[in-house]
Structure formats: structure tokens, C-alpha cells
Amino acid sequence: MQEASVRRGRPLGSKTADPVLAAAFGGAVRAARTRRGIAQESLAHLAKIERSHAGKIERGEHMPTLAAVLKIAKALGMSGAELLAEAEALLPAEYLAGS
């Protein structure tokens, strides 16, 4: 009998993030950052995350962890709730309706 191999990480075909949510959050971060006149590199430094990761978050390519969300919000001078509310406002109405 052959032993089952253990695969670490997410299952094949699964996504790391919901692309609609990731895009809305990234858009909210970018909008808040530009309103405050903060460069992406400066935001990354203030939030203590990699600049490349900040760029991927803003482009909706990465969904940040809760810790990163809170760090980014603090670096932007806002609460996590405020940042998430801005992201939620960018979601399409049909997304919120559950379609």
C-alpha cells in the first residue's frame, strides 16, 4: 500500500484572494495614500512592509493579512475600520448583494 503524500500550502486551483475584494482594498489604499501625498515607498516603510508587497496590494494582486491591513491603516493615519469602509464603498453593488 502506498502512503499518501502530504502537500503543504493551498490546494491546487485555489486562489489566495478574492480578486474583487483585493482590487477594492488596493484601490482604497491607493486613494488614501495619494490623498495624503505619500509615496508608495514611504507608505511601505511606515507600515513596515516590503515596497513590492505594497505595490501588489494596491494593484489587487495580493490580499494582505489582517496585521498588514492594520499596519497600512496606521501608516495612512486612519483606523482599520475606516480603511475597510473605503474599500467596501468601492465594491460593486452586485458583489455586496451576494451574486
Protein backbone atom coordinates (compact mmCIF):
# COMPACT_ATOMS: atom_id res chain seq x y z
CA MET A 1 0.00 0.00 0.00
CA GLN A 2 1.36 3.41 -1.00
CA GLU A 3 1.50 6.18 1.58
CA ALA A 4 -0.40 9.35 0.78
CA SER A 5 1.90 12.28 0.25
CA VAL A 6 1.31 15.38 2.28
CA ARG A 7 1.17 18.58 0.26
CA ARG A 8 1.74 21.78 2.09
CA GLY A 9 0.16 25.06 1.05
CA ARG A 10 -3.16 25.75 -0.56
CA PRO A 11 -4.91 23.14 -2.69
CA LEU A 12 -4.27 23.14 -6.43
CA GLY A 13 -6.52 25.58 -8.24
CA SER A 14 -7.41 27.60 -5.18
CA LYS A 15 -6.93 31.35 -5.13
CA THR A 16 -5.11 33.31 -2.47
CA ALA A 17 -7.70 36.05 -2.52
CA ASP A 18 -10.99 37.11 -3.96
CA PRO A 19 -9.91 39.35 -6.87
CA VAL A 20 -12.88 41.71 -6.44
CA LEU A 21 -12.10 42.24 -2.75
CA ALA A 22 -8.38 42.55 -3.42
CA ALA A 23 -8.97 45.20 -6.12
CA ALA A 24 -11.34 47.19 -3.89
CA PHE A 25 -8.92 47.13 -0.97
CA GLY A 26 -5.99 48.06 -3.20
CA GLY A 27 -7.98 50.93 -4.68
CA ALA A 28 -8.83 52.21 -1.21
CA VAL A 29 -5.18 52.08 -0.15
CA ARG A 30 -4.02 53.89 -3.29
CA ALA A 31 -6.73 56.57 -2.95
CA ALA A 32 -5.94 57.19 0.73
CA ARG A 33 -2.21 57.27 0.03
CA THR A 34 -2.47 59.73 -2.85
CA ARG A 35 -4.90 61.98 -0.92
CA ARG A 36 -2.25 62.25 1.75
CA GLY A 37 0.57 62.80 -0.73
CA ILE A 38 2.52 59.77 0.46
CA ALA A 39 4.76 57.89 -1.97
CA GLN A 40 4.25 54.14 -2.17
CA GLU A 41 7.76 53.52 -0.91
CA SER A 42 7.17 55.80 2.07
CA LEU A 43 3.92 54.04 2.89
CA ALA A 44 5.68 50.68 2.78
CA HIS A 45 8.39 52.00 5.09
CA LEU A 46 5.86 53.46 7.55
CA ALA A 47 3.80 50.23 7.51
CA LYS A 48 6.94 48.09 7.80
CA ILE A 49 6.10 46.02 4.71
CA GLU A 50 8.10 45.45 1.53
CA ARG A 51 7.60 48.10 -1.17
CA SER A 52 6.91 45.40 -3.75
CA HIS A 53 4.21 43.95 -1.48
CA ALA A 54 2.63 47.41 -1.12
CA GLY A 55 2.52 47.68 -4.91
CA LYS A 56 0.94 44.26 -5.29
CA ILE A 57 -1.67 45.14 -2.66
CA GLU A 58 -2.52 48.39 -4.46
CA ARG A 59 -2.83 46.57 -7.80
CA GLY A 60 -5.12 43.97 -6.24
CA GLU A 61 -2.62 41.17 -6.81
CA HIS A 62 -2.23 40.32 -3.11
CA MET A 63 -4.74 40.22 -0.29
CA PRO A 64 -2.97 41.41 2.86
CA THR A 65 -3.24 39.73 6.23
CA LEU A 66 -5.17 41.43 8.99
CA ALA A 67 -1.89 42.51 10.54
CA ALA A 68 -0.83 44.16 7.28
CA VAL A 69 -4.24 45.87 6.91
CA LEU A 70 -3.86 47.40 10.36
CA LYS A 71 -0.24 48.43 9.71
CA ILE A 72 -1.21 50.08 6.43
CA ALA A 73 -4.14 51.88 8.02
CA LYS A 74 -1.95 53.19 10.84
CA ALA A 75 0.67 54.35 8.33
CA LEU A 76 -2.10 56.23 6.50
CA GLY A 77 -3.22 57.87 9.74
CA MET A 78 -6.57 56.12 9.82
CA SER A 79 -8.21 53.22 11.58
CA GLY A 80 -8.52 49.80 10.07
CA ALA A 81 -12.29 50.26 10.12
CA GLU A 82 -12.03 53.48 8.11
CA LEU A 83 -9.79 51.87 5.52
CA LEU A 84 -12.06 48.83 5.20
CA ALA A 85 -15.12 51.10 4.89
CA GLU A 86 -13.42 52.87 1.97
CA ALA A 87 -12.68 49.51 0.38
CA GLU A 88 -16.26 48.37 0.90
CA ALA A 89 -17.52 51.53 -0.82
CA LEU A 90 -15.51 50.53 -3.91
CA LEU A 91 -17.14 47.09 -4.17
CA PRO A 92 -19.71 46.65 -6.93
CA ALA A 93 -23.32 46.67 -5.65
CA GLU A 94 -23.95 43.18 -7.06
CA TYR A 95 -20.96 41.87 -5.12
CA LEU A 96 -22.47 43.03 -1.85
CA ALA A 97 -25.82 41.53 -2.83
CA GLY A 98 -24.13 38.12 -2.98
CA SER A 99 -24.46 37.48 -6.71
